[in-house]
Amino acid sequence: MSTEVYRFRFEQDIPLEEAEMTLHLATFAAEGLFGRVGVRLETSYFLDGPRRTISVDGTTEVGAAVVRIFTGLVIRE
């Protein structure tokens, strides 16, 4: 079993709270595909303020979808 945790690091000029809100937006978008319960059960993330990172568990289909959506949104922002 492979572990696929995706870590996103943000520079000082990017408000970490905004990055987290973008992750929430990605989660809401994934709810359209997998339903609210599916997303809540199969998605997790960890925000490390001092290191300015957000780690997202992409080991499930739902988690991988959230990672893809989040990456797309962050690139556009």
N, C-alpha and C. Protein backbone atom coordinates (compact mmCIF):
# COMPACT_ATOMS: atom_id res chain seq x y z
N MET A 1 0.85 -1.17 0.00
CA MET A 1 0.00 0.00 0.00
C MET A 1 0.89 1.24 0.00
N SER A 2 0.67 2.11 -0.94
CA SER A 2 1.48 3.32 -1.02
C SER A 2 0.82 4.45 -0.24
N THR A 3 1.67 5.29 0.31
CA THR A 3 1.17 6.46 1.02
C THR A 3 1.36 7.67 0.12
N GLU A 4 0.30 8.36 -0.14
CA GLU A 4 0.36 9.54 -0.99
C GLU A 4 -0.21 10.72 -0.24
N VAL A 5 0.67 11.38 0.47
CA VAL A 5 0.31 12.60 1.16
C VAL A 5 0.97 13.73 0.40
N TYR A 6 0.19 14.70 0.02
CA TYR A 6 0.68 15.83 -0.77
C TYR A 6 0.89 17.01 0.16
N ARG A 7 2.10 17.56 0.13
CA ARG A 7 2.42 18.70 0.99
C ARG A 7 2.60 19.94 0.14
N PHE A 8 1.84 20.96 0.49
CA PHE A 8 1.90 22.24 -0.20
C PHE A 8 2.56 23.25 0.74
N ARG A 9 3.60 23.90 0.27
CA ARG A 9 4.30 24.91 1.07
C ARG A 9 4.02 26.28 0.48
N PHE A 10 3.70 27.23 1.36
CA PHE A 10 3.32 28.56 0.92
C PHE A 10 4.33 29.59 1.42
N GLU A 11 4.69 30.51 0.53
CA GLU A 11 5.62 31.58 0.86
C GLU A 11 4.99 32.54 1.87
N GLN A 12 5.82 33.36 2.49
CA GLN A 12 5.37 34.29 3.52
C GLN A 12 4.32 35.28 3.03
N ASP A 13 4.38 35.65 1.74
CA ASP A 13 3.44 36.65 1.23
C ASP A 13 2.05 36.09 0.93
N ILE A 14 1.89 34.79 1.09
CA ILE A 14 0.58 34.15 0.89
C ILE A 14 -0.05 33.91 2.26
N PRO A 15 -1.19 34.53 2.53
CA PRO A 15 -1.86 34.27 3.82
C PRO A 15 -2.29 32.80 3.92
N LEU A 16 -1.80 32.12 4.93
CA LEU A 16 -2.11 30.70 5.10
C LEU A 16 -3.60 30.45 5.29
N GLU A 17 -4.29 31.42 5.88
CA GLU A 17 -5.74 31.28 6.06
C GLU A 17 -6.46 31.24 4.71
N GLU A 18 -5.96 32.03 3.75
CA GLU A 18 -6.56 32.02 2.41
C GLU A 18 -6.30 30.69 1.71
N ALA A 19 -5.11 30.15 1.91
CA ALA A 19 -4.80 28.84 1.32
C ALA A 19 -5.72 27.77 1.90
N GLU A 20 -5.97 27.84 3.21
CA GLU A 20 -6.87 26.88 3.84
C GLU A 20 -8.30 27.05 3.33
N MET A 21 -8.72 28.29 3.12
CA MET A 21 -10.07 28.53 2.57
C MET A 21 -10.18 27.97 1.15
N THR A 22 -9.11 28.04 0.40
CA THR A 22 -9.11 27.46 -0.95
C THR A 22 -9.24 25.95 -0.86
N LEU A 23 -8.60 25.34 0.14
CA LEU A 23 -8.75 23.90 0.34
C LEU A 23 -10.20 23.56 0.69
N HIS A 24 -10.84 24.39 1.50
CA HIS A 24 -12.25 24.17 1.82
C HIS A 24 -13.11 24.26 0.55
N LEU A 25 -12.78 25.20 -0.31
CA LEU A 25 -13.50 25.33 -1.58
C LEU A 25 -13.33 24.06 -2.42
N ALA A 26 -12.12 23.53 -2.45
CA ALA A 26 -11.87 22.27 -3.18
C ALA A 26 -12.68 21.13 -2.58
N THR A 27 -12.78 21.12 -1.26
CA THR A 27 -13.58 20.09 -0.58
C THR A 27 -15.05 20.21 -0.95
N PHE A 28 -15.57 21.45 -1.00
CA PHE A 28 -16.96 21.65 -1.39
C PHE A 28 -17.19 21.19 -2.82
N ALA A 29 -16.23 21.46 -3.70
CA ALA A 29 -16.36 21.02 -5.09
C ALA A 29 -16.38 19.50 -5.17
N ALA A 30 -15.56 18.84 -4.37
CA ALA A 30 -15.53 17.37 -4.36
C ALA A 30 -16.84 16.79 -3.85
N GLU A 31 -17.54 17.53 -3.02
CA GLU A 31 -18.84 17.06 -2.53
C GLU A 31 -19.82 16.87 -3.68
N GLY A 32 -19.67 17.66 -4.73
CA GLY A 32 -20.53 17.51 -5.91
C GLY A 32 -20.32 16.18 -6.61
N LEU A 33 -19.13 15.63 -6.47
CA LEU A 33 -18.81 14.34 -7.09
C LEU A 33 -19.06 13.15 -6.18
N PHE A 34 -18.74 13.31 -4.89
CA PHE A 34 -18.75 12.17 -3.98
C PHE A 34 -19.76 12.27 -2.85
N GLY A 35 -20.44 13.41 -2.76
CA GLY A 35 -21.38 13.62 -1.66
C GLY A 35 -20.68 14.10 -0.41
N ARG A 36 -21.43 14.77 0.44
CA ARG A 36 -20.87 15.35 1.66
C ARG A 36 -20.29 14.29 2.57
N VAL A 37 -21.01 13.20 2.78
CA VAL A 37 -20.55 12.15 3.69
C VAL A 37 -19.27 11.50 3.16
N GLY A 38 -19.24 11.21 1.86
CA GLY A 38 -18.05 10.59 1.28
C GLY A 38 -16.81 11.45 1.45
N VAL A 39 -16.97 12.74 1.25
CA VAL A 39 -15.83 13.65 1.40
C VAL A 39 -15.41 13.73 2.86
N ARG A 40 -16.36 13.82 3.76
CA ARG A 40 -16.02 13.92 5.19
C ARG A 40 -15.31 12.66 5.69
N LEU A 41 -15.73 11.50 5.20
CA LEU A 41 -15.13 10.25 5.66
C LEU A 41 -13.77 9.95 5.04
N GLU A 42 -13.55 10.41 3.81
CA GLU A 42 -12.37 9.97 3.08
C GLU A 42 -11.36 11.08 2.77
N THR A 43 -11.49 12.21 3.43
CA THR A 43 -10.56 13.31 3.20
C THR A 43 -10.02 13.81 4.52
N SER A 44 -8.72 14.05 4.56
CA SER A 44 -8.13 14.66 5.76
C SER A 44 -6.97 15.55 5.34
N TYR A 45 -6.71 16.54 6.18
CA TYR A 45 -5.57 17.41 5.92
C TYR A 45 -5.00 17.89 7.24
N PHE A 46 -3.76 18.39 7.17
CA PHE A 46 -3.09 18.92 8.34
C PHE A 46 -2.43 20.24 7.96
N LEU A 47 -2.73 21.28 8.71
CA LEU A 47 -2.13 22.59 8.48
C LEU A 47 -1.03 22.79 9.52
N ASP A 48 0.18 23.04 9.07
CA ASP A 48 1.32 23.29 9.94
C ASP A 48 1.70 24.76 9.79
N GLY A 49 1.21 25.58 10.71
CA GLY A 49 1.42 27.02 10.64
C GLY A 49 2.89 27.44 10.64
N PRO A 50 3.69 26.95 11.59
CA PRO A 50 5.09 27.36 11.62
C PRO A 50 5.87 27.00 10.34
N ARG A 51 5.54 25.88 9.75
CA ARG A 51 6.23 25.47 8.51
C ARG A 51 5.53 25.99 7.26
N ARG A 52 4.34 26.58 7.45
CA ARG A 52 3.55 27.16 6.35
C ARG A 52 3.23 26.09 5.30
N THR A 53 2.78 24.93 5.76
CA THR A 53 2.42 23.85 4.85
C THR A 53 1.01 23.36 5.14
N ILE A 54 0.41 22.81 4.10
CA ILE A 54 -0.84 22.08 4.22
C ILE A 54 -0.59 20.72 3.59
N SER A 55 -0.82 19.66 4.36
CA SER A 55 -0.66 18.30 3.87
C SER A 55 -2.04 17.70 3.69
N VAL A 56 -2.27 17.09 2.53
CA VAL A 56 -3.57 16.50 2.20
C VAL A 56 -3.37 15.03 1.91
N ASP A 57 -4.17 14.18 2.55
CA ASP A 57 -4.10 12.74 2.32
C ASP A 57 -4.77 12.41 0.99
N GLY A 58 -3.98 11.91 0.05
CA GLY A 58 -4.51 11.57 -1.26
C GLY A 58 -4.56 10.07 -1.52
N THR A 59 -4.64 9.27 -0.45
CA THR A 59 -4.62 7.82 -0.62
C THR A 59 -5.95 7.24 -1.09
N THR A 60 -7.02 8.01 -0.95
CA THR A 60 -8.32 7.54 -1.43
C THR A 60 -8.68 8.26 -2.72
N GLU A 61 -9.67 7.75 -3.43
CA GLU A 61 -10.13 8.41 -4.65
C GLU A 61 -10.64 9.82 -4.35
N VAL A 62 -11.34 9.95 -3.24
CA VAL A 62 -11.88 11.25 -2.85
C VAL A 62 -10.75 12.21 -2.49
N GLY A 63 -9.81 11.76 -1.69
CA GLY A 63 -8.67 12.59 -1.32
C GLY A 63 -7.85 13.03 -2.52
N ALA A 64 -7.65 12.11 -3.47
CA ALA A 64 -6.91 12.44 -4.69
C ALA A 64 -7.66 13.51 -5.50
N ALA A 65 -8.98 13.42 -5.53
CA ALA A 65 -9.78 14.42 -6.25
C ALA A 65 -9.65 15.79 -5.57
N VAL A 66 -9.69 15.81 -4.25
CA VAL A 66 -9.54 17.07 -3.53
C VAL A 66 -8.17 17.68 -3.82
N VAL A 67 -7.13 16.85 -3.85
CA VAL A 67 -5.78 17.33 -4.16
C VAL A 67 -5.75 17.94 -5.55
N ARG A 68 -6.34 17.28 -6.53
CA ARG A 68 -6.35 17.80 -7.90
C ARG A 68 -7.10 19.12 -8.00
N ILE A 69 -8.25 19.20 -7.36
CA ILE A 69 -9.05 20.43 -7.40
C ILE A 69 -8.28 21.55 -6.69
N PHE A 70 -7.74 21.26 -5.52
CA PHE A 70 -6.99 22.25 -4.76
C PHE A 70 -5.79 22.77 -5.56
N THR A 71 -5.06 21.86 -6.17
CA THR A 71 -3.91 22.26 -6.97
C THR A 71 -4.33 23.19 -8.10
N GLY A 72 -5.40 22.86 -8.78
CA GLY A 72 -5.91 23.70 -9.86
C GLY A 72 -6.30 25.08 -9.39
N LEU A 73 -6.96 25.15 -8.25
CA LEU A 73 -7.37 26.45 -7.70
C LEU A 73 -6.17 27.28 -7.26
N VAL A 74 -5.21 26.64 -6.61
CA VAL A 74 -4.03 27.36 -6.14
C VAL A 74 -3.22 27.91 -7.31
N ILE A 75 -3.10 27.14 -8.36
CA ILE A 75 -2.37 27.60 -9.54
C ILE A 75 -3.04 28.83 -10.14
N ARG A 76 -4.35 28.83 -10.18
CA ARG A 76 -5.08 29.97 -10.76
C ARG A 76 -5.04 31.20 -9.86
N GLU A 77 -4.95 31.00 -8.56
CA GLU A 77 -4.92 32.14 -7.64
C GLU A 77 -3.55 32.77 -7.66
